[in-house]
């Protein structure tokens, strides 16, 4: 779905579990407001705030998103080969701050403008057409969504050549890992279970709008995540900011939120795109959902075959060990490109450990083993090494 609100609402089936004593510590815990705080909203329980998010129906807006990361990673070197530059660009999203303009009008009109130094990258969805444009290279790609998928509301399945526009994942289009606060909130809320304490924090103001603060705190000591806080618009229920704090730290390790926001419908001209003069243009067309399933039955069966037993197509599906916040994801050897795994930049940023190379941050650790497997999670390095040992045991 194209909405920036939690559209699937699937996480609402966890709502009763989110408000029982096993999940919410003895009643409603409300953190005291700071003296002289400018915002004092009517009190709401965690259940009421969750319900507010679930009932949100914002489908038109424009605004500016700011993403900041403070994961304790070393400064990235500049220059180097094109392969190194590509890895640096990817890892650069994990450091510093990034800004994105967002425009939305209903389920089929979306524009993202990722603002770089002296350049801009755009993703524009207007009905069947999706345009991807990079001003630094004056290059554009036009992806056409099949009519049937648009009419039936079926998101076209991704392919290596043309990722699904319905996912609205800018990283799939080379525009970075920018998401929206509502998309991140939906992911976190969808995992609420007895491993999480849900509380209400201090009322606040984000992008000029009054918000409730919902705080998710892992019960487990085996995770690097200290807490996740979500700023929920008091009037609409739209999540406006998500901040993830590493255990033992006072400042967010990762934060994504609106700095400017208007709920007025953006002008139609924002979703019209014509490549600039001299631009290189590539045309692509996504296969229809049914066609792709027919051509690739393994894809259709993957949901019923999580262990990857349906054949070669499923061999690179991730394997998850552990539970809740302390889960570890394993990617088989060959899932990550050899160019990426062998990048000198990763060698500079990582450290050699028993059995492989470790890329460590305050929030997430990644272990690339000597045989090419990848283990990642918001857990300590020794837990990744234990998972790597167990998977071949």
Protein backbone atom coordinates (compact mmCIF):
# COMPACT_ATOMS: atom_id res chain seq x y z
CA UNK A 1 0.00 0.00 0.00
CA UNK A 2 1.18 3.52 -0.61
CA UNK A 3 0.05 5.13 2.61
CA UNK A 4 2.72 6.30 5.01
CA UNK A 5 0.57 5.14 7.91
CA UNK A 6 0.66 1.52 9.17
CA UNK A 7 -1.57 0.20 6.42
CA UNK A 8 -1.70 -3.52 7.00
CA UNK A 9 -2.98 -3.13 10.57
CA UNK A 10 -1.83 -6.72 11.09
CA UNK A 11 -0.08 -5.70 14.29
CA UNK A 12 -3.46 -4.91 15.85
CA UNK A 13 -3.90 -8.61 16.49
CA UNK A 14 -1.14 -8.22 19.09
CA UNK A 15 -3.00 -5.39 20.81
CA UNK A 16 -4.50 -7.46 23.66
CA UNK A 17 -1.05 -8.94 24.39
CA UNK A 18 0.39 -5.45 24.45
CA UNK A 19 -1.76 -4.35 27.35
CA UNK A 20 -1.76 -7.33 29.69
CA UNK A 21 0.43 -7.20 32.82
CA UNK A 22 3.01 -9.52 31.22
CA UNK A 23 3.81 -6.82 28.68
CA UNK A 24 2.97 -3.54 30.37
CA UNK A 25 4.65 -3.10 33.71
CA UNK A 26 2.06 -2.79 36.50
CA UNK A 27 -0.59 -0.56 35.09
CA UNK A 28 0.08 2.47 32.93
CA UNK A 29 3.55 3.87 33.51
CA UNK A 30 3.66 7.53 32.61
CA UNK A 31 6.99 9.28 32.82
CA UNK A 32 6.76 12.63 34.62
CA UNK A 33 6.56 15.68 32.39
CA UNK A 34 9.36 18.17 32.56
CA UNK A 35 8.64 21.33 34.48
CA UNK A 36 7.28 24.01 32.20
CA UNK A 37 6.76 21.59 29.31
CA UNK A 38 4.94 23.26 26.43
CA UNK A 39 2.76 20.20 25.69
CA UNK A 40 0.26 18.73 28.14
CA UNK A 41 -2.11 16.36 26.37
CA UNK A 42 -5.00 14.44 27.96
CA UNK A 43 -3.63 11.27 29.51
CA UNK A 44 -3.84 8.10 27.41
CA UNK A 45 -2.87 4.54 28.20
CA UNK A 46 -0.53 2.56 25.93
CA UNK A 47 -3.58 0.67 24.65
CA UNK A 48 -5.29 3.92 23.69
CA UNK A 49 -2.20 5.22 21.88
CA UNK A 50 -1.82 1.93 20.00
CA UNK A 51 -5.47 2.18 19.01
CA UNK A 52 -4.89 5.78 17.87
CA UNK A 53 -2.07 4.61 15.59
CA UNK A 54 -4.12 1.71 14.27
CA UNK A 55 -7.03 3.97 13.34
CA UNK A 56 -4.87 6.59 11.60
CA UNK A 57 -6.00 7.31 8.05
CA UNK A 58 -3.67 10.03 6.78
CA UNK A 59 -3.17 9.50 3.04
CA UNK A 60 -1.97 12.93 1.87
CA UNK A 61 0.92 14.99 3.20
CA UNK A 62 4.13 16.78 2.38
CA UNK A 63 7.12 17.32 4.60
CA UNK A 64 10.81 16.94 5.33
CA UNK A 65 12.27 13.88 6.99
CA UNK A 66 15.56 13.95 8.87
CA UNK A 67 17.51 10.76 9.53
CA UNK A 68 20.44 10.80 11.95
CA UNK A 69 22.69 7.94 12.99
CA UNK A 70 25.20 7.84 15.83
CA UNK A 71 26.30 4.22 15.92
CA UNK A 72 29.89 4.79 16.95
CA UNK A 73 31.26 3.81 13.54
CA UNK A 74 34.64 5.23 12.50
CA UNK A 75 34.92 8.02 9.96
CA UNK A 76 34.54 6.70 6.43
CA UNK A 77 37.53 7.25 4.12
CA UNK A 78 36.97 9.20 0.91
CA UNK A 79 38.04 8.25 -2.59
CA UNK A 80 39.06 4.76 -3.63
CA UNK A 81 37.79 2.40 -6.29
CA UNK A 82 34.24 2.39 -7.58
CA UNK A 83 33.54 -0.76 -5.55
CA UNK A 84 34.83 0.92 -2.42
CA UNK A 85 32.83 4.04 -3.22
CA UNK A 86 29.67 1.96 -3.52
CA UNK A 87 30.22 0.36 -0.13
CA UNK A 88 31.08 3.76 1.35
CA UNK A 89 27.82 5.16 -0.01
CA UNK A 90 25.87 2.33 1.60
CA UNK A 91 27.66 2.60 4.95
CA UNK A 92 27.41 6.39 4.79
CA UNK A 93 23.70 5.99 5.49
CA UNK A 94 24.70 4.63 8.91
CA UNK A 95 26.60 7.77 9.86
CA UNK A 96 25.76 11.44 10.09
CA UNK A 97 22.49 13.04 9.03
CA UNK A 98 20.40 12.84 5.87
CA UNK A 99 17.37 14.79 4.69
CA UNK A 100 14.50 13.72 2.44
CA UNK A 101 11.45 15.53 1.09
CA UNK A 102 8.26 13.44 1.04
CA UNK A 103 5.03 14.07 -0.92
CA UNK A 104 2.02 11.74 -0.80
CA UNK A 105 -1.45 11.84 -2.34
CA UNK A 106 -3.39 8.62 -1.96
CA UNK A 107 -2.22 5.07 -2.72
CA UNK A 108 -0.71 5.74 -6.15
CA UNK A 109 1.06 9.10 -5.92
CA UNK A 110 4.35 9.39 -4.09
CA UNK A 111 7.50 11.45 -4.43
CA UNK A 112 10.71 11.14 -2.44
CA UNK A 113 13.56 13.60 -2.89
CA UNK A 114 16.80 12.50 -1.25
CA UNK A 115 18.99 15.55 -0.84
CA UNK A 116 22.74 14.95 -1.20
CA UNK A 117 25.61 17.42 -1.35
CA UNK A 118 25.11 19.32 -4.61
CA UNK A 119 22.83 16.57 -5.94
CA UNK A 120 19.35 15.11 -5.64
CA UNK A 121 17.84 11.68 -6.14
CA UNK A 122 14.12 11.29 -6.83
CA UNK A 123 11.57 8.50 -6.74
CA UNK A 124 8.24 9.53 -8.30
CA UNK A 125 5.20 7.24 -8.40
CA UNK A 126 2.24 8.47 -10.45
CA UNK A 127 -0.26 5.71 -11.15
CA UNK A 128 1.36 3.04 -13.32
CA UNK A 129 4.59 5.00 -13.79
CA UNK A 130 7.55 5.05 -11.44
CA UNK A 131 10.49 7.31 -12.24
CA UNK A 132 13.92 7.06 -10.61
CA UNK A 133 16.27 9.98 -11.23
CA UNK A 134 19.83 10.78 -10.10
CA UNK A 135 20.85 14.35 -10.84
CA UNK A 136 24.55 13.66 -10.23
CA UNK A 137 24.59 11.37 -13.30
CA UNK A 138 21.59 12.90 -15.10
CA UNK A 139 20.23 9.36 -15.41
CA UNK A 140 16.59 8.26 -15.18
CA UNK A 141 14.80 4.91 -15.12
CA UNK A 142 11.11 4.52 -15.86
CA UNK A 143 9.40 1.44 -14.39
CA UNK A 144 5.88 0.56 -15.58
CA UNK A 145 3.51 -1.23 -13.20
CA UNK A 146 1.09 -3.65 -14.93
CA UNK A 147 -2.55 -2.48 -15.05
CA UNK A 148 -3.84 -5.58 -13.33
CA UNK A 149 -1.57 -5.10 -10.32
CA UNK A 150 -2.65 -1.47 -10.02
CA UNK A 151 -6.37 -2.24 -10.42
CA UNK A 152 -6.33 -5.20 -8.02
CA UNK A 153 -4.13 -3.49 -5.49
CA UNK A 154 -1.62 -6.35 -5.75
CA UNK A 155 1.96 -5.18 -5.16
CA UNK A 156 4.16 -6.43 -8.01
CA UNK A 157 6.77 -8.87 -6.79
CA UNK A 158 10.35 -7.64 -6.79
CA UNK A 159 12.96 -8.76 -9.27
CA UNK A 160 16.72 -8.06 -9.29
CA UNK A 161 16.27 -5.72 -12.25
CA UNK A 162 13.26 -3.77 -10.98
CA UNK A 163 12.31 -3.83 -7.29
CA UNK A 164 8.68 -3.43 -6.32
CA UNK A 165 7.57 0.23 -6.29
CA UNK A 166 4.73 -0.74 -3.94
CA UNK A 167 7.27 -1.46 -1.21
CA UNK A 168 8.25 2.20 -1.29
CA UNK A 169 11.70 1.12 -0.24
CA UNK A 170 14.00 3.87 -1.53
CA UNK A 171 17.07 1.70 -0.94
CA UNK A 172 15.74 -0.64 -3.64
CA UNK A 173 16.06 2.23 -6.08
CA UNK A 174 19.49 3.39 -5.01
CA UNK A 175 18.03 6.34 -3.13
CA UNK A 176 19.21 5.29 0.30
CA UNK A 177 17.63 3.49 3.25
CA UNK A 178 15.17 6.28 3.99
CA UNK A 179 11.81 5.04 5.23
CA UNK A 180 9.06 6.92 7.03
CA UNK A 181 8.46 7.00 10.78
CA UNK A 182 5.14 5.19 10.23
CA UNK A 183 6.82 2.37 8.31
CA UNK A 184 9.40 1.89 11.06
CA UNK A 185 6.73 2.12 13.74
CA UNK A 186 4.69 -0.56 12.01
CA UNK A 187 7.66 -2.93 12.01
CA UNK A 188 8.35 -2.43 15.70
CA UNK A 189 4.69 -2.59 16.72
CA UNK A 190 4.25 -5.74 14.68
CA UNK A 191 6.76 -7.51 16.91
CA UNK A 192 5.19 -6.57 20.25
CA UNK A 193 4.98 -9.61 22.52
CA UNK A 194 5.80 -10.61 26.09
CA UNK A 195 9.48 -9.70 25.54
CA UNK A 196 8.58 -6.00 25.44
CA UNK A 197 7.49 -3.51 28.09
CA UNK A 198 5.22 -0.81 26.65
CA UNK A 199 4.98 2.52 28.46
CA UNK A 200 3.91 6.10 27.84
CA UNK A 201 6.58 8.80 27.80
CA UNK A 202 6.49 12.57 28.00
CA UNK A 203 4.19 14.57 25.71
CA UNK A 204 6.19 16.42 23.10
CA UNK A 205 6.03 18.45 19.90
CA UNK A 206 7.34 17.25 16.51
CA UNK A 207 7.25 19.34 13.33
CA UNK A 208 5.00 21.80 15.14
CA UNK A 209 2.44 19.13 16.11
CA UNK A 210 1.59 17.80 19.57
CA UNK A 211 2.50 14.16 20.05
CA UNK A 212 2.20 11.33 22.53
CA UNK A 213 5.34 9.28 23.17
CA UNK A 214 5.10 5.50 23.16
CA UNK A 215 8.16 3.66 24.53
CA UNK A 216 9.05 0.03 23.80
CA UNK A 217 11.67 -1.44 26.16
CA UNK A 218 13.12 -4.94 25.65
CA UNK A 219 12.99 -7.17 28.72
CA UNK A 220 16.02 -9.15 27.55
CA UNK A 221 19.53 -8.19 28.61
CA UNK A 222 20.90 -10.01 25.55
CA UNK A 223 20.08 -7.20 23.12
CA UNK A 224 21.98 -4.00 22.35
CA UNK A 225 18.67 -2.13 22.03
CA UNK A 226 17.85 -0.09 25.12
CA UNK A 227 14.51 1.28 23.97
CA UNK A 228 12.47 2.47 20.98
CA UNK A 229 10.40 5.63 21.33
CA UNK A 230 7.68 6.71 18.92
CA UNK A 231 6.15 10.17 18.67
CA UNK A 232 2.47 9.74 17.73
CA UNK A 233 0.51 12.71 16.42
CA UNK A 234 -2.24 13.39 18.95
CA UNK A 235 -4.72 14.56 16.31
CA UNK A 236 -4.27 11.91 13.59
CA UNK A 237 -2.38 8.98 15.13
CA UNK A 238 0.34 9.27 12.48
CA UNK A 239 3.81 8.35 13.84
CA UNK A 240 6.00 11.40 13.27
CA UNK A 241 9.31 10.25 14.77
CA UNK A 242 11.00 7.00 15.77
CA UNK A 243 14.18 6.93 17.86
CA UNK A 244 16.19 3.83 18.76
CA UNK A 245 18.47 4.08 21.77
CA UNK A 246 21.32 1.67 22.39
CA UNK A 247 21.62 0.09 25.82
CA UNK A 248 23.56 2.29 28.23
CA UNK A 249 23.51 5.34 25.94
CA UNK A 250 21.74 8.65 26.60
CA UNK A 251 21.36 9.81 22.98
CA UNK A 252 19.56 7.93 20.17
CA UNK A 253 21.72 5.68 18.04
CA UNK A 254 19.23 6.12 15.21
CA UNK A 255 16.45 8.65 14.72
CA UNK A 256 14.04 9.31 11.86
CA UNK A 257 11.42 12.03 12.07
CA UNK A 258 9.62 14.88 10.40
CA UNK A 259 11.11 18.34 10.83
CA UNK A 260 8.38 19.90 8.66
CA UNK A 261 4.92 18.53 7.94
CA UNK A 262 1.75 19.64 6.16
CA UNK A 263 -1.35 17.47 5.87
CA UNK A 264 -2.62 19.43 2.87
CA UNK A 265 -2.80 17.55 -0.44
CA UNK A 266 0.33 18.26 -2.53
CA UNK A 267 -0.05 19.79 -5.98
CA UNK A 268 -0.43 17.40 -8.91
CA UNK A 269 2.67 18.87 -10.60
CA UNK A 270 4.89 17.27 -7.95
CA UNK A 271 4.04 13.81 -9.30
CA UNK A 272 4.68 14.68 -12.95
CA UNK A 273 8.21 14.02 -14.18
CA UNK A 274 9.96 14.75 -17.46
CA UNK A 275 13.63 13.78 -17.79
CA UNK A 276 15.88 16.83 -18.13
CA UNK A 277 17.56 17.49 -21.51
CA UNK A 278 20.43 15.13 -22.17
CA UNK A 279 19.39 12.64 -19.50
CA UNK A 280 20.06 8.94 -20.03
CA UNK A 281 16.71 7.13 -19.85
CA UNK A 282 16.15 3.40 -19.30
CA UNK A 283 12.73 1.76 -19.65
CA UNK A 284 11.65 -1.25 -17.58
CA UNK A 285 8.36 -3.09 -17.11
CA UNK A 286 7.52 -5.24 -14.13
CA UNK A 287 5.98 -8.66 -14.76
CA UNK A 288 2.40 -9.02 -13.53
CA UNK A 289 2.02 -10.68 -10.15
CA UNK A 290 0.35 -13.79 -11.57
CA UNK A 291 2.89 -14.06 -14.38
CA UNK A 292 5.78 -13.99 -11.96
CA UNK A 293 4.21 -16.65 -9.75
CA UNK A 294 3.64 -18.83 -12.83
CA UNK A 295 7.20 -18.43 -14.02
CA UNK A 296 8.65 -18.95 -10.54
CA UNK A 297 6.55 -21.37 -8.46
CA UNK A 298 9.24 -21.37 -5.77
CA UNK A 299 8.43 -17.72 -5.10
CA UNK A 300 4.74 -18.55 -4.67
CA UNK A 301 5.58 -21.39 -2.27
CA UNK A 302 8.20 -19.54 -0.26
CA UNK A 303 5.72 -18.47 2.41
CA UNK A 304 4.96 -22.14 3.08
CA UNK A 305 8.60 -23.18 2.96
CA UNK A 306 10.51 -20.98 5.43
CA UNK A 307 13.31 -23.49 5.73
CA UNK A 308 14.11 -23.13 2.04
CA UNK A 309 13.35 -26.73 1.08
CA UNK A 310 11.55 -25.83 -2.15
CA UNK A 311 14.74 -25.75 -4.14
CA UNK A 312 17.50 -23.54 -5.40
CA UNK A 313 15.33 -20.41 -5.51
CA UNK A 314 14.95 -20.52 -1.71
CA UNK A 315 18.51 -21.43 -0.84
CA UNK A 316 19.44 -17.85 0.11
CA UNK A 317 16.50 -17.14 2.38
CA UNK A 318 17.70 -15.93 5.80
CA UNK A 319 17.59 -18.20 8.82
CA UNK A 320 16.60 -16.68 12.15
CA UNK A 321 17.82 -18.05 15.47
CA UNK A 322 16.95 -16.78 18.92
CA UNK A 323 13.80 -14.87 19.75
CA UNK A 324 12.53 -11.33 20.05
CA UNK A 325 15.04 -8.52 20.39
CA UNK A 326 17.93 -11.01 20.68
CA UNK A 327 17.28 -12.69 17.31
CA UNK A 328 20.20 -13.38 14.98
CA UNK A 329 19.77 -13.47 11.18
CA UNK A 330 21.99 -15.77 9.13
CA UNK A 331 22.58 -15.28 5.41
CA UNK A 332 24.07 -18.22 3.54
CA UNK A 333 27.41 -18.00 1.79
CA UNK A 334 26.90 -16.36 -1.58
CA UNK A 335 23.90 -14.25 -0.51
CA UNK A 336 26.10 -11.17 -0.15
CA UNK A 337 28.04 -10.31 -3.28
CA UNK A 338 31.71 -11.22 -3.26
CA UNK A 339 32.58 -7.65 -4.21
CA UNK A 340 30.86 -6.34 -1.10
CA UNK A 341 32.22 -9.00 1.25
CA UNK A 342 35.77 -8.51 -0.05
CA UNK A 343 35.65 -4.70 -0.01
CA UNK A 344 38.82 -3.16 1.47
CA UNK A 345 36.56 -0.61 3.16
CA UNK A 346 34.86 -3.33 5.21
CA UNK A 347 38.30 -4.56 6.20
CA UNK A 348 39.20 -1.05 7.38
CA UNK A 349 35.97 -0.61 9.33
CA UNK A 350 35.82 -4.12 10.76
CA UNK A 351 38.07 -6.11 13.04
CA UNK A 352 39.37 -9.63 12.68
CA UNK A 353 37.82 -12.06 15.14
CA UNK A 354 37.87 -15.81 15.57
CA UNK A 355 36.18 -17.23 12.48
CA UNK A 356 35.77 -14.06 10.44
CA UNK A 357 35.44 -10.28 10.30
CA UNK A 358 33.25 -8.24 12.67
CA UNK A 359 31.60 -4.90 11.85
CA UNK A 360 30.57 -3.52 15.21
CA UNK A 361 28.34 -0.61 16.25
CA UNK A 362 26.50 0.47 19.37
CA UNK A 363 23.22 -0.97 18.06
CA UNK A 364 23.95 -3.76 15.56
CA UNK A 365 26.80 -6.20 15.02
CA UNK A 366 27.55 -8.00 11.75
CA UNK A 367 29.84 -11.03 11.44
CA UNK A 368 31.13 -12.15 8.03
CA UNK A 369 32.59 -15.61 8.49
CA UNK A 370 35.64 -16.95 6.70
CA UNK A 371 33.40 -19.19 4.60
CA UNK A 372 31.23 -16.25 3.45
CA UNK A 373 28.21 -16.55 5.71
CA UNK A 374 26.80 -13.40 7.32
CA UNK A 375 25.32 -13.15 10.83
CA UNK A 376 23.66 -9.96 12.05
CA UNK A 377 21.69 -8.86 15.06
CA UNK A 378 21.27 -6.34 17.83
CA UNK A 379 23.32 -8.60 20.06
CA UNK A 380 26.90 -8.85 21.32
CA UNK A 381 29.62 -10.19 19.04
CA UNK A 382 30.08 -13.40 21.03
CA UNK A 383 26.42 -14.27 20.41
CA UNK A 384 26.97 -13.96 16.67
CA UNK A 385 30.05 -16.18 16.91
CA UNK A 386 28.07 -18.74 18.92
CA UNK A 387 25.32 -18.70 16.29
CA UNK A 388 27.91 -19.20 13.54
CA UNK A 389 29.40 -22.16 15.37
CA UNK A 390 26.00 -23.71 16.08
CA UNK A 391 24.86 -23.45 12.46
CA UNK A 392 27.62 -25.80 11.29
CA UNK A 393 27.53 -28.01 14.34
